[in-house]
Amino acid sequence: MRNNTVSRERAVHESDTSLAELRGDCARMAADWVRPAAAAPAPVCPSLIHGVTVTPDSARLIDGMSEYGD
């Protein structure tokens, strides 16, 4: 029964937290979060780009869709 009381007390306390307090907490913790450096995609030589190939089923599906704004 004690766990339920503790849970309710915690829930009431957390619901009293304002958005400004939450944003402040997040800003203080942000320095602790490590974000790995994103690897830039390698450029593709234009001579290697030959268009898009789709299956006949996919082409029929797209062909059966209405145009934008219909």
PDB file of N, CA and C in Angstrom:
ATOM      1  N   MET A   1       0.820  -1.186   0.000  1.00  0.00           N
ATOM      2  CA  MET A   1       0.000   0.000   0.000  1.00  0.00           C
ATOM      3  C   MET A   1       0.867   1.253   0.000  1.00  0.00           C
ATOM      4  N   ARG A   2       2.010   1.188   0.616  1.00  0.00           N
ATOM      5  CA  ARG A   2       2.900   2.343   0.687  1.00  0.00           C
ATOM      6  C   ARG A   2       3.340   2.765  -0.705  1.00  0.00           C
ATOM      7  N   ASN A   3       3.609   1.809  -1.589  1.00  0.00           N
ATOM      8  CA  ASN A   3       4.034   2.144  -2.955  1.00  0.00           C
ATOM      9  C   ASN A   3       2.985   2.974  -3.682  1.00  0.00           C
ATOM     10  N   ASN A   4       1.699   2.650  -3.490  1.00  0.00           N
ATOM     11  CA  ASN A   4       0.635   3.423  -4.133  1.00  0.00           C
ATOM     12  C   ASN A   4       0.617   4.855  -3.618  1.00  0.00           C
ATOM     13  N   THR A   5       0.836   5.018  -2.309  1.00  0.00           N
ATOM     14  CA  THR A   5       0.860   6.363  -1.732  1.00  0.00           C
ATOM     15  C   THR A   5       2.020   7.162  -2.291  1.00  0.00           C
ATOM     16  N   VAL A   6       3.191   6.524  -2.362  1.00  0.00           N
ATOM     17  CA  VAL A   6       4.375   7.194  -2.911  1.00  0.00           C
ATOM     18  C   VAL A   6       4.130   7.553  -4.372  1.00  0.00           C
ATOM     19  N   SER A   7       3.530   6.650  -5.141  1.00  0.00           N
ATOM     20  CA  SER A   7       3.254   6.908  -6.557  1.00  0.00           C
ATOM     21  C   SER A   7       2.304   8.084  -6.721  1.00  0.00           C
ATOM     22  N   ARG A   8       1.257   8.134  -5.896  1.00  0.00           N
ATOM     23  CA  ARG A   8       0.300   9.235  -5.987  1.00  0.00           C
ATOM     24  C   ARG A   8       0.965  10.563  -5.623  1.00  0.00           C
ATOM     25  N   GLU A   9       1.791  10.538  -4.567  1.00  0.00           N
ATOM     26  CA  GLU A   9       2.483  11.760  -4.168  1.00  0.00           C
ATOM     27  C   GLU A   9       3.411  12.239  -5.275  1.00  0.00           C
ATOM     28  N   ARG A  10       4.118  11.310  -5.899  1.00  0.00           N
ATOM     29  CA  ARG A  10       5.029  11.667  -6.980  1.00  0.00           C
ATOM     30  C   ARG A  10       4.244  12.216  -8.164  1.00  0.00           C
ATOM     31  N   ALA A  11       3.108  11.590  -8.486  1.00  0.00           N
ATOM     32  CA  ALA A  11       2.295  12.044  -9.614  1.00  0.00           C
ATOM     33  C   ALA A  11       1.766  13.450  -9.365  1.00  0.00           C
ATOM     34  N   VAL A  12       1.330  13.732  -8.147  1.00  0.00           N
ATOM     35  CA  VAL A  12       0.828  15.061  -7.829  1.00  0.00           C
ATOM     36  C   VAL A  12       1.959  16.069  -7.951  1.00  0.00           C
ATOM     37  N   HIS A  13       3.124  15.734  -7.427  1.00  0.00           N
ATOM     38  CA  HIS A  13       4.269  16.652  -7.500  1.00  0.00           C
ATOM     39  C   HIS A  13       4.667  16.902  -8.956  1.00  0.00           C
ATOM     40  N   GLU A  14       4.727  15.838  -9.774  1.00  0.00           N
ATOM     41  CA  GLU A  14       5.136  15.998 -11.173  1.00  0.00           C
ATOM     42  C   GLU A  14       4.119  16.814 -11.959  1.00  0.00           C
ATOM     43  N   SER A  15       2.845  16.679 -11.640  1.00  0.00           N
ATOM     44  CA  SER A  15       1.831  17.441 -12.375  1.00  0.00           C
ATOM     45  C   SER A  15       1.874  18.920 -12.013  1.00  0.00           C
ATOM     46  N   ASP A  16       2.486  19.248 -10.876  1.00  0.00           N
ATOM     47  CA  ASP A  16       2.616  20.644 -10.469  1.00  0.00           C
ATOM     48  C   ASP A  16       3.793  21.336 -11.148  1.00  0.00           C
ATOM     49  N   THR A  17       4.618  20.580 -11.853  1.00  0.00           N
ATOM     50  CA  THR A  17       5.777  21.145 -12.532  1.00  0.00           C
ATOM     51  C   THR A  17       5.301  21.947 -13.741  1.00  0.00           C
ATOM     52  N   SER A  18       5.764  23.174 -13.843  1.00  0.00           N
ATOM     53  CA  SER A  18       5.360  24.011 -14.971  1.00  0.00           C
ATOM     54  C   SER A  18       6.219  23.694 -16.190  1.00  0.00           C
ATOM     55  N   LEU A  19       5.760  24.149 -17.319  1.00  0.00           N
ATOM     56  CA  LEU A  19       6.518  23.956 -18.547  1.00  0.00           C
ATOM     57  C   LEU A  19       7.859  24.672 -18.463  1.00  0.00           C
ATOM     58  N   ALA A  20       7.884  25.833 -17.869  1.00  0.00           N
ATOM     59  CA  ALA A  20       9.135  26.580 -17.732  1.00  0.00           C
ATOM     60  C   ALA A  20      10.137  25.802 -16.867  1.00  0.00           C
ATOM     61  N   GLU A  21       9.642  25.181 -15.799  1.00  0.00           N
ATOM     62  CA  GLU A  21      10.531  24.381 -14.946  1.00  0.00           C
ATOM     63  C   GLU A  21      11.054  23.172 -15.712  1.00  0.00           C
ATOM     64  N   LEU A  22      10.182  22.538 -16.465  1.00  0.00           N
ATOM     65  CA  LEU A  22      10.587  21.377 -17.242  1.00  0.00           C
ATOM     66  C   LEU A  22      11.636  21.760 -18.281  1.00  0.00           C
ATOM     67  N   ARG A  23      11.434  22.876 -18.965  1.00  0.00           N
ATOM     68  CA  ARG A  23      12.410  23.330 -19.960  1.00  0.00           C
ATOM     69  C   ARG A  23      13.744  23.664 -19.301  1.00  0.00           C
ATOM     70  N   GLY A  24      13.687  24.254 -18.108  1.00  0.00           N
ATOM     71  CA  GLY A  24      14.910  24.560 -17.380  1.00  0.00           C
ATOM     72  C   GLY A  24      15.658  23.296 -16.985  1.00  0.00           C
ATOM     73  N   ASP A  25      14.913  22.295 -16.514  1.00  0.00           N
ATOM     74  CA  ASP A  25      15.537  21.013 -16.168  1.00  0.00           C
ATOM     75  C   ASP A  25      16.205  20.394 -17.382  1.00  0.00           C
ATOM     76  N   CYS A  26      15.524  20.423 -18.513  1.00  0.00           N
ATOM     77  CA  CYS A  26      16.083  19.847 -19.743  1.00  0.00           C
ATOM     78  C   CYS A  26      17.333  20.611 -20.180  1.00  0.00           C
ATOM     79  N   ALA A  27      17.295  21.920 -20.070  1.00  0.00           N
ATOM     80  CA  ALA A  27      18.451  22.728 -20.469  1.00  0.00           C
ATOM     81  C   ALA A  27      19.657  22.409 -19.596  1.00  0.00           C
ATOM     82  N   ARG A  28      19.432  22.193 -18.298  1.00  0.00           N
ATOM     83  CA  ARG A  28      20.543  21.860 -17.411  1.00  0.00           C
ATOM     84  C   ARG A  28      21.092  20.476 -17.704  1.00  0.00           C
ATOM     85  N   MET A  29      20.242  19.542 -18.139  1.00  0.00           N
ATOM     86  CA  MET A  29      20.691  18.177 -18.420  1.00  0.00           C
ATOM     87  C   MET A  29      21.305  18.042 -19.810  1.00  0.00           C
ATOM     88  N   ALA A  30      21.051  18.974 -20.702  1.00  0.00           N
ATOM     89  CA  ALA A  30      21.499  18.865 -22.090  1.00  0.00           C
ATOM     90  C   ALA A  30      23.002  18.688 -22.195  1.00  0.00           C
ATOM     91  N   ALA A  31      23.758  19.305 -21.300  1.00  0.00           N
ATOM     92  CA  ALA A  31      25.214  19.171 -21.344  1.00  0.00           C
ATOM     93  C   ALA A  31      25.649  17.735 -21.074  1.00  0.00           C
ATOM     94  N   ASP A  32      24.820  16.962 -20.386  1.00  0.00           N
ATOM     95  CA  ASP A  32      25.153  15.565 -20.070  1.00  0.00           C
ATOM     96  C   ASP A  32      24.827  14.609 -21.210  1.00  0.00           C
ATOM     97  N   TRP A  33      24.046  15.060 -22.180  1.00  0.00           N
ATOM     98  CA  TRP A  33      23.650  14.198 -23.288  1.00  0.00           C
ATOM     99  C   TRP A  33      24.663  14.334 -24.403  1.00  0.00           C
ATOM    100  N   VAL A  34      25.201  13.223 -24.830  1.00  0.00           N
ATOM    101  CA  VAL A  34      26.194  13.229 -25.899  1.00  0.00           C
ATOM    102  C   VAL A  34      25.505  12.875 -27.202  1.00  0.00           C
ATOM    103  N   ARG A  35      25.714  13.704 -28.187  1.00  0.00           N
ATOM    104  CA  ARG A  35      25.151  13.438 -29.508  1.00  0.00           C
ATOM    105  C   ARG A  35      26.301  13.112 -30.438  1.00  0.00           C
ATOM    106  N   PRO A  36      26.301  11.909 -31.020  1.00  0.00           N
ATOM    107  CA  PRO A  36      27.395  11.555 -31.920  1.00  0.00           C
ATOM    108  C   PRO A  36      27.388  12.445 -33.162  1.00  0.00           C
ATOM    109  N   ALA A  37      28.562  12.705 -33.651  1.00  0.00           N
ATOM    110  CA  ALA A  37      28.677  13.513 -34.871  1.00  0.00           C
ATOM    111  C   ALA A  37      28.073  12.732 -36.033  1.00  0.00           C
ATOM    112  N   ALA A  38      27.240  13.406 -36.799  1.00  0.00           N
ATOM    113  CA  ALA A  38      26.599  12.764 -37.949  1.00  0.00           C
ATOM    114  C   ALA A  38      27.591  12.697 -39.104  1.00  0.00           C
ATOM    115  N   ALA A  39      27.668  11.541 -39.680  1.00  0.00           N
ATOM    116  CA  ALA A  39      28.536  11.369 -40.836  1.00  0.00           C
ATOM    117  C   ALA A  39      27.830  11.933 -42.064  1.00  0.00           C
ATOM    118  N   ALA A  40      28.514  12.763 -42.800  1.00  0.00           N
ATOM    119  CA  ALA A  40      27.941  13.336 -44.019  1.00  0.00           C
ATOM    120  C   ALA A  40      27.909  12.254 -45.099  1.00  0.00           C
ATOM    121  N   PRO A  41      26.817  12.162 -45.821  1.00  0.00           N
ATOM    122  CA  PRO A  41      26.764  11.162 -46.891  1.00  0.00           C
ATOM    123  C   PRO A  41      27.794  11.493 -47.970  1.00  0.00           C
ATOM    124  N   ALA A  42      28.353  10.460 -48.516  1.00  0.00           N
ATOM    125  CA  ALA A  42      29.342  10.636 -49.575  1.00  0.00           C
ATOM    126  C   ALA A  42      28.643  11.143 -50.830  1.00  0.00           C
ATOM    127  N   PRO A  43      29.227  12.101 -51.518  1.00  0.00           N
ATOM    128  CA  PRO A  43      28.600  12.589 -52.754  1.00  0.00           C
ATOM    129  C   PRO A  43      28.593  11.498 -53.823  1.00  0.00           C
ATOM    130  N   VAL A  44      27.566  11.553 -54.638  1.00  0.00           N
ATOM    131  CA  VAL A  44      27.422  10.582 -55.724  1.00  0.00           C
ATOM    132  C   VAL A  44      27.765  11.267 -57.030  1.00  0.00           C
ATOM    133  N   CYS A  45      28.573  10.619 -57.786  1.00  0.00           N
ATOM    134  CA  CYS A  45      28.953  11.148 -59.090  1.00  0.00           C
ATOM    135  C   CYS A  45      27.710  11.189 -59.987  1.00  0.00           C
ATOM    136  N   PRO A  46      27.415  12.319 -60.625  1.00  0.00           N
ATOM    137  CA  PRO A  46      26.217  12.413 -61.473  1.00  0.00           C
ATOM    138  C   PRO A  46      26.148  11.355 -62.569  1.00  0.00           C
ATOM    139  N   SER A  47      27.277  10.887 -63.035  1.00  0.00           N
ATOM    140  CA  SER A  47      27.247   9.875 -64.098  1.00  0.00           C
ATOM    141  C   SER A  47      26.720   8.537 -63.593  1.00  0.00           C
ATOM    142  N   LEU A  48      26.656   8.355 -62.280  1.00  0.00           N
ATOM    143  CA  LEU A  48      26.133   7.108 -61.723  1.00  0.00           C
ATOM    144  C   LEU A  48      24.620   7.150 -61.513  1.00  0.00           C
ATOM    145  N   ILE A  49      24.007   8.322 -61.682  1.00  0.00           N
ATOM    146  CA  ILE A  49      22.570   8.455 -61.475  1.00  0.00           C
ATOM    147  C   ILE A  49      21.878   8.228 -62.816  1.00  0.00           C
ATOM    148  N   HIS A  50      21.050   7.186 -62.861  1.00  0.00           N
ATOM    149  CA  HIS A  50      20.404   6.826 -64.121  1.00  0.00           C
ATOM    150  C   HIS A  50      18.890   6.832 -64.044  1.00  0.00           C
ATOM    151  N   GLY A  51      18.323   7.448 -63.024  1.00  0.00           N
ATOM    152  CA  GLY A  51      16.870   7.488 -62.914  1.00  0.00           C
ATOM    153  C   GLY A  51      16.363   6.537 -61.860  1.00  0.00           C
ATOM    154  N   VAL A  52      15.058   6.424 -61.828  1.00  0.00           N
ATOM    155  CA  VAL A  52      14.393   5.607 -60.831  1.00  0.00           C
ATOM    156  C   VAL A  52      13.683   4.471 -61.536  1.00  0.00           C
ATOM    157  N   THR A  53      13.817   3.292 -60.984  1.00  0.00           N
ATOM    158  CA  THR A  53      13.132   2.132 -61.531  1.00  0.00           C
ATOM    159  C   THR A  53      12.119   1.644 -60.510  1.00  0.00           C
ATOM    160  N   VAL A  54      10.890   1.454 -60.926  1.00  0.00           N
ATOM    161  CA  VAL A  54       9.843   0.947 -60.036  1.00  0.00           C
ATOM    162  C   VAL A  54       9.212  -0.280 -60.671  1.00  0.00           C
ATOM    163  N   THR A  55       8.609  -1.090 -59.824  1.00  0.00           N
ATOM    164  CA  THR A  55       7.930  -2.286 -60.333  1.00  0.00           C
ATOM    165  C   THR A  55       6.625  -1.877 -61.005  1.00  0.00           C
ATOM    166  N   PRO A  56       6.112  -2.690 -61.892  1.00  0.00           N
ATOM    167  CA  PRO A  56       4.827  -2.380 -62.538  1.00  0.00           C
ATOM    168  C   PRO A  56       3.691  -2.192 -61.522  1.00  0.00           C
ATOM    169  N   ASP A  57       3.686  -2.986 -60.447  1.00  0.00           N
ATOM    170  CA  ASP A  57       2.638  -2.837 -59.424  1.00  0.00           C
ATOM    171  C   ASP A  57       2.701  -1.459 -58.776  1.00  0.00           C
ATOM    172  N   SER A  58       3.905  -0.994 -58.479  1.00  0.00           N
ATOM    173  CA  SER A  58       4.053   0.323 -57.868  1.00  0.00           C
ATOM    174  C   SER A  58       3.619   1.416 -58.836  1.00  0.00           C
ATOM    175  N   ALA A  59       3.957   1.261 -60.113  1.00  0.00           N
ATOM    176  CA  ALA A  59       3.568   2.249 -61.118  1.00  0.00           C
ATOM    177  C   ALA A  59       2.049   2.323 -61.231  1.00  0.00           C
ATOM    178  N   ARG A  60       1.359   1.168 -61.202  1.00  0.00           N
ATOM    179  CA  ARG A  60      -0.110   1.149 -61.269  1.00  0.00           C
ATOM    180  C   ARG A  60      -0.710   1.814 -60.034  1.00  0.00           C
ATOM    181  N   LEU A  61      -0.119   1.576 -58.883  1.00  0.00           N
ATOM    182  CA  LEU A  61      -0.614   2.178 -57.654  1.00  0.00           C
ATOM    183  C   LEU A  61      -0.536   3.694 -57.731  1.00  0.00           C
ATOM    184  N   ILE A  62       0.593   4.214 -58.149  1.00  0.00           N
ATOM    185  CA  ILE A  62       0.766   5.667 -58.270  1.00  0.00           C
ATOM    186  C   ILE A  62      -0.131   6.234 -59.361  1.00  0.00           C
ATOM    187  N   ASP A  63      -0.258   5.508 -60.469  1.00  0.00           N
ATOM    188  CA  ASP A  63      -1.091   5.972 -61.581  1.00  0.00           C
ATOM    189  C   ASP A  63      -2.562   6.059 -61.143  1.00  0.00           C
ATOM    190  N   GLY A  64      -2.975   5.198 -60.225  1.00  0.00           N
ATOM    191  CA  GLY A  64      -4.366   5.182 -59.771  1.00  0.00           C
ATOM    192  C   GLY A  64      -4.671   6.237 -58.727  1.00  0.00           C
ATOM    193  N   MET A  65      -3.655   6.912 -58.216  1.00  0.00           N
ATOM    194  CA  MET A  65      -3.872   7.953 -57.203  1.00  0.00           C
ATOM    195  C   MET A  65      -4.308   9.244 -57.886  1.00  0.00           C
ATOM    196  N   SER A  66      -5.099  10.025 -57.160  1.00  0.00           N
ATOM    197  CA  SER A  66      -5.531  11.301 -57.733  1.00  0.00           C
ATOM    198  C   SER A  66      -4.381  12.285 -57.728  1.00  0.00           C
ATOM    199  N   GLU A  67      -4.478  13.265 -58.593  1.00  0.00           N
ATOM    200  CA  GLU A  67      -3.456  14.316 -58.638  1.00  0.00           C
ATOM    201  C   GLU A  67      -3.594  15.213 -57.429  1.00  0.00           C
ATOM    202  N   TYR A  68      -2.536  15.882 -57.059  1.00  0.00           N
ATOM    203  CA  TYR A  68      -2.575  16.812 -55.938  1.00  0.00           C
ATOM    204  C   TYR A  68      -3.591  17.915 -56.232  1.00  0.00           C
ATOM    205  N   GLY A  69      -4.467  18.153 -55.279  1.00  0.00           N
ATOM    206  CA  GLY A  69      -5.446  19.221 -55.434  1.00  0.00           C
ATOM    207  C   GLY A  69      -6.780  18.747 -56.006  1.00  0.00           C
ATOM    208  N   ASP A  70      -6.895  17.463 -56.349  1.00  0.00           N
ATOM    209  CA  ASP A  70      -8.189  16.961 -56.858  1.00  0.00           C
ATOM    210  C   ASP A  70      -9.227  16.948 -55.780  1.00  0.00           C
TER     211      ASP A  70
END
